Amino acid sequence: MDAIMTHFDLDDAKAHGSRPWEGLSEIDQAIRDNRLMEYKIKKSWADPWGRKLTIGVLVVIAAGFSYLAGGSFGLW
């Protein structure tokens, strides 16, 4: 059988194994700086669905508090 053996597979494995995890480096830096909650809030706010969910939850909480405050003042 005339198969040509190349080192493509070995070269790819070495290249993938030696590269740093670029996606996790920012989280690792946030943990190191003890600002993981700030990182999560910024990432959630950058996501359009996360932003809509956050605003929706805050509106529901504000509506609930205003209903309770109105009830305690005898408005309804």
N, C-alpha and C. Protein backbone atom coordinates (compact mmCIF):
# COMPACT_ATOMS: atom_id res chain seq x y z
N MET A 1 0.84 -1.17 0.00
CA MET A 1 0.00 0.00 0.00
C MET A 1 0.88 1.23 0.00
N ASP A 2 0.60 2.18 -0.89
CA ASP A 2 1.42 3.37 -1.01
C ASP A 2 0.79 4.53 -0.24
N ALA A 3 0.82 4.47 1.06
CA ALA A 3 0.25 5.55 1.87
C ALA A 3 1.38 6.48 2.29
N ILE A 4 1.13 7.75 2.15
CA ILE A 4 2.12 8.74 2.54
C ILE A 4 1.80 9.15 3.98
N MET A 5 2.73 8.93 4.85
CA MET A 5 2.52 9.26 6.26
C MET A 5 3.03 10.68 6.49
N THR A 6 2.15 11.50 6.96
CA THR A 6 2.53 12.88 7.25
C THR A 6 2.36 13.15 8.73
N HIS A 7 2.85 14.26 9.16
CA HIS A 7 2.76 14.65 10.57
C HIS A 7 1.68 15.69 10.79
N PHE A 8 0.70 15.75 9.92
CA PHE A 8 -0.36 16.75 10.07
C PHE A 8 -1.14 16.54 11.36
N ASP A 9 -1.48 15.31 11.66
CA ASP A 9 -2.24 15.03 12.87
C ASP A 9 -1.44 15.39 14.11
N LEU A 10 -0.17 15.07 14.11
CA LEU A 10 0.66 15.37 15.27
C LEU A 10 0.86 16.88 15.43
N ASP A 11 1.04 17.56 14.32
CA ASP A 11 1.23 19.01 14.38
C ASP A 11 -0.03 19.70 14.89
N ASP A 12 -1.21 19.25 14.45
CA ASP A 12 -2.46 19.84 14.91
C ASP A 12 -2.67 19.60 16.40
N ALA A 13 -2.34 18.40 16.87
CA ALA A 13 -2.52 18.10 18.28
C ALA A 13 -1.60 18.95 19.14
N LYS A 14 -0.38 19.15 18.67
CA LYS A 14 0.56 19.98 19.44
C LYS A 14 0.09 21.44 19.46
N ALA A 15 -0.40 21.91 18.34
CA ALA A 15 -0.85 23.30 18.25
C ALA A 15 -2.06 23.53 19.13
N HIS A 16 -3.00 22.59 19.16
CA HIS A 16 -4.19 22.75 19.98
C HIS A 16 -3.88 22.59 21.46
N GLY A 17 -2.97 21.70 21.79
CA GLY A 17 -2.66 21.45 23.19
C GLY A 17 -1.85 22.56 23.83
N SER A 18 -1.03 23.23 23.07
CA SER A 18 -0.15 24.24 23.66
C SER A 18 -0.77 25.63 23.71
N ARG A 19 -1.90 25.83 23.00
CA ARG A 19 -2.53 27.14 23.01
C ARG A 19 -3.23 27.39 24.34
N PRO A 20 -3.15 28.60 24.86
CA PRO A 20 -3.90 28.88 26.09
C PRO A 20 -5.39 28.97 25.80
N TRP A 21 -6.17 28.74 26.80
CA TRP A 21 -7.62 28.81 26.66
C TRP A 21 -8.01 30.26 26.67
N GLU A 22 -8.19 30.84 25.51
CA GLU A 22 -8.45 32.26 25.40
C GLU A 22 -9.79 32.65 26.01
N GLY A 23 -10.80 31.81 25.90
CA GLY A 23 -12.12 32.12 26.43
C GLY A 23 -12.17 32.14 27.94
N LEU A 24 -11.32 31.36 28.58
CA LEU A 24 -11.33 31.28 30.03
C LEU A 24 -10.33 32.21 30.69
N SER A 25 -9.46 32.84 29.92
CA SER A 25 -8.44 33.69 30.53
C SER A 25 -9.04 34.92 31.20
N GLU A 26 -10.13 35.46 30.63
CA GLU A 26 -10.78 36.63 31.23
C GLU A 26 -11.46 36.26 32.55
N ILE A 27 -12.08 35.08 32.60
CA ILE A 27 -12.70 34.62 33.84
C ILE A 27 -11.63 34.36 34.89
N ASP A 28 -10.53 33.77 34.47
CA ASP A 28 -9.44 33.49 35.40
C ASP A 28 -8.89 34.79 35.99
N GLN A 29 -8.75 35.80 35.16
CA GLN A 29 -8.28 37.10 35.64
C GLN A 29 -9.28 37.72 36.60
N ALA A 30 -10.58 37.55 36.33
CA ALA A 30 -11.61 38.09 37.21
C ALA A 30 -11.58 37.40 38.57
N ILE A 31 -11.37 36.10 38.58
CA ILE A 31 -11.27 35.38 39.85
C ILE A 31 -10.04 35.83 40.61
N ARG A 32 -8.94 36.02 39.90
CA ARG A 32 -7.71 36.46 40.54
C ARG A 32 -7.87 37.84 41.17
N ASP A 33 -8.61 38.71 40.50
CA ASP A 33 -8.82 40.06 41.02
C ASP A 33 -10.01 40.15 41.97
N ASN A 34 -10.66 39.00 42.25
CA ASN A 34 -11.81 38.92 43.15
C ASN A 34 -12.94 39.84 42.68
N ARG A 35 -13.21 39.80 41.40
CA ARG A 35 -14.29 40.61 40.85
C ARG A 35 -15.15 39.78 39.91
N LEU A 36 -15.44 38.56 40.33
CA LEU A 36 -16.21 37.65 39.49
C LEU A 36 -17.64 38.12 39.33
N MET A 37 -18.24 38.69 40.37
CA MET A 37 -19.62 39.16 40.26
C MET A 37 -19.72 40.32 39.27
N GLU A 38 -18.75 41.22 39.31
CA GLU A 38 -18.73 42.33 38.35
C GLU A 38 -18.62 41.81 36.92
N TYR A 39 -17.81 40.77 36.72
CA TYR A 39 -17.65 40.16 35.41
C TYR A 39 -18.98 39.58 34.93
N LYS A 40 -19.68 38.86 35.81
CA LYS A 40 -20.95 38.25 35.44
C LYS A 40 -21.99 39.31 35.08
N ILE A 41 -22.03 40.39 35.84
CA ILE A 41 -23.01 41.46 35.58
C ILE A 41 -22.71 42.13 34.24
N LYS A 42 -21.45 42.40 33.97
CA LYS A 42 -21.09 43.03 32.69
C LYS A 42 -21.40 42.13 31.51
N LYS A 43 -21.11 40.83 31.65
CA LYS A 43 -21.41 39.89 30.57
C LYS A 43 -22.91 39.76 30.36
N SER A 44 -23.68 39.74 31.44
CA SER A 44 -25.13 39.63 31.32
C SER A 44 -25.72 40.88 30.69
N TRP A 45 -25.19 42.04 31.05
CA TRP A 45 -25.71 43.29 30.49
C TRP A 45 -25.35 43.43 29.02
N ALA A 46 -24.24 42.85 28.61
CA ALA A 46 -23.83 42.92 27.20
C ALA A 46 -24.72 42.04 26.32
N ASP A 47 -25.30 41.00 26.90
CA ASP A 47 -26.18 40.10 26.16
C ASP A 47 -27.57 40.73 26.05
N PRO A 48 -28.14 40.87 24.84
CA PRO A 48 -29.46 41.51 24.71
C PRO A 48 -30.56 40.81 25.50
N TRP A 49 -30.58 39.48 25.50
CA TRP A 49 -31.61 38.76 26.26
C TRP A 49 -31.40 38.93 27.75
N GLY A 50 -30.15 38.93 28.19
CA GLY A 50 -29.86 39.13 29.60
C GLY A 50 -30.28 40.52 30.06
N ARG A 51 -30.06 41.50 29.21
CA ARG A 51 -30.46 42.87 29.54
C ARG A 51 -31.98 42.99 29.65
N LYS A 52 -32.70 42.39 28.71
CA LYS A 52 -34.17 42.42 28.75
C LYS A 52 -34.70 41.70 29.98
N LEU A 53 -34.10 40.59 30.32
CA LEU A 53 -34.53 39.83 31.50
C LEU A 53 -34.27 40.64 32.77
N THR A 54 -33.12 41.28 32.86
CA THR A 54 -32.80 42.09 34.04
C THR A 54 -33.78 43.25 34.18
N ILE A 55 -34.04 43.94 33.10
CA ILE A 55 -34.99 45.07 33.15
C ILE A 55 -36.39 44.58 33.50
N GLY A 56 -36.80 43.45 32.93
CA GLY A 56 -38.12 42.89 33.22
C GLY A 56 -38.27 42.52 34.70
N VAL A 57 -37.26 41.88 35.26
CA VAL A 57 -37.32 41.50 36.67
C VAL A 57 -37.36 42.74 37.55
N LEU A 58 -36.57 43.75 37.24
CA LEU A 58 -36.58 44.98 38.04
C LEU A 58 -37.93 45.70 37.95
N VAL A 59 -38.56 45.67 36.78
CA VAL A 59 -39.89 46.29 36.62
C VAL A 59 -40.93 45.55 37.45
N VAL A 60 -40.88 44.21 37.44
CA VAL A 60 -41.83 43.43 38.23
C VAL A 60 -41.64 43.68 39.72
N ILE A 61 -40.41 43.76 40.17
CA ILE A 61 -40.14 44.03 41.59
C ILE A 61 -40.62 45.43 41.96
N ALA A 62 -40.36 46.42 41.11
CA ALA A 62 -40.82 47.79 41.38
C ALA A 62 -42.34 47.86 41.39
N ALA A 63 -43.01 47.14 40.49
CA ALA A 63 -44.47 47.14 40.46
C ALA A 63 -45.03 46.50 41.73
N GLY A 64 -44.41 45.45 42.19
CA GLY A 64 -44.85 44.80 43.43
C GLY A 64 -44.70 45.72 44.63
N PHE A 65 -43.57 46.38 44.74
CA PHE A 65 -43.37 47.31 45.86
C PHE A 65 -44.32 48.50 45.78
N SER A 66 -44.56 49.00 44.57
CA SER A 66 -45.49 50.13 44.46
C SER A 66 -46.92 49.71 44.79
N TYR A 67 -47.30 48.49 44.44
CA TYR A 67 -48.63 47.99 44.80
C TYR A 67 -48.76 47.87 46.33
N LEU A 68 -47.73 47.33 46.96
CA LEU A 68 -47.77 47.20 48.42
C LEU A 68 -47.76 48.56 49.11
N ALA A 69 -46.98 49.49 48.58
CA ALA A 69 -46.95 50.82 49.17
C ALA A 69 -48.28 51.52 48.98
N GLY A 70 -48.88 51.39 47.80
CA GLY A 70 -50.20 51.98 47.56
C GLY A 70 -51.27 51.37 48.45
N GLY A 71 -51.19 50.08 48.69
CA GLY A 71 -52.15 49.43 49.57
C GLY A 71 -52.00 49.88 51.02
N SER A 72 -50.77 50.10 51.45
CA SER A 72 -50.58 50.53 52.83
C SER A 72 -51.02 52.00 53.03
N PHE A 73 -51.02 52.80 51.98
CA PHE A 73 -51.49 54.18 52.08
C PHE A 73 -52.99 54.31 51.79
N GLY A 74 -53.64 53.21 51.49
CA GLY A 74 -55.08 53.21 51.26
C GLY A 74 -55.49 53.72 49.89
N LEU A 75 -54.61 53.61 48.92
CA LEU A 75 -54.95 54.07 47.57
C LEU A 75 -55.87 53.09 46.84
N TRP A 76 -55.87 51.83 47.22
CA TRP A 76 -56.77 50.86 46.63
C TRP A 76 -57.19 49.84 47.63
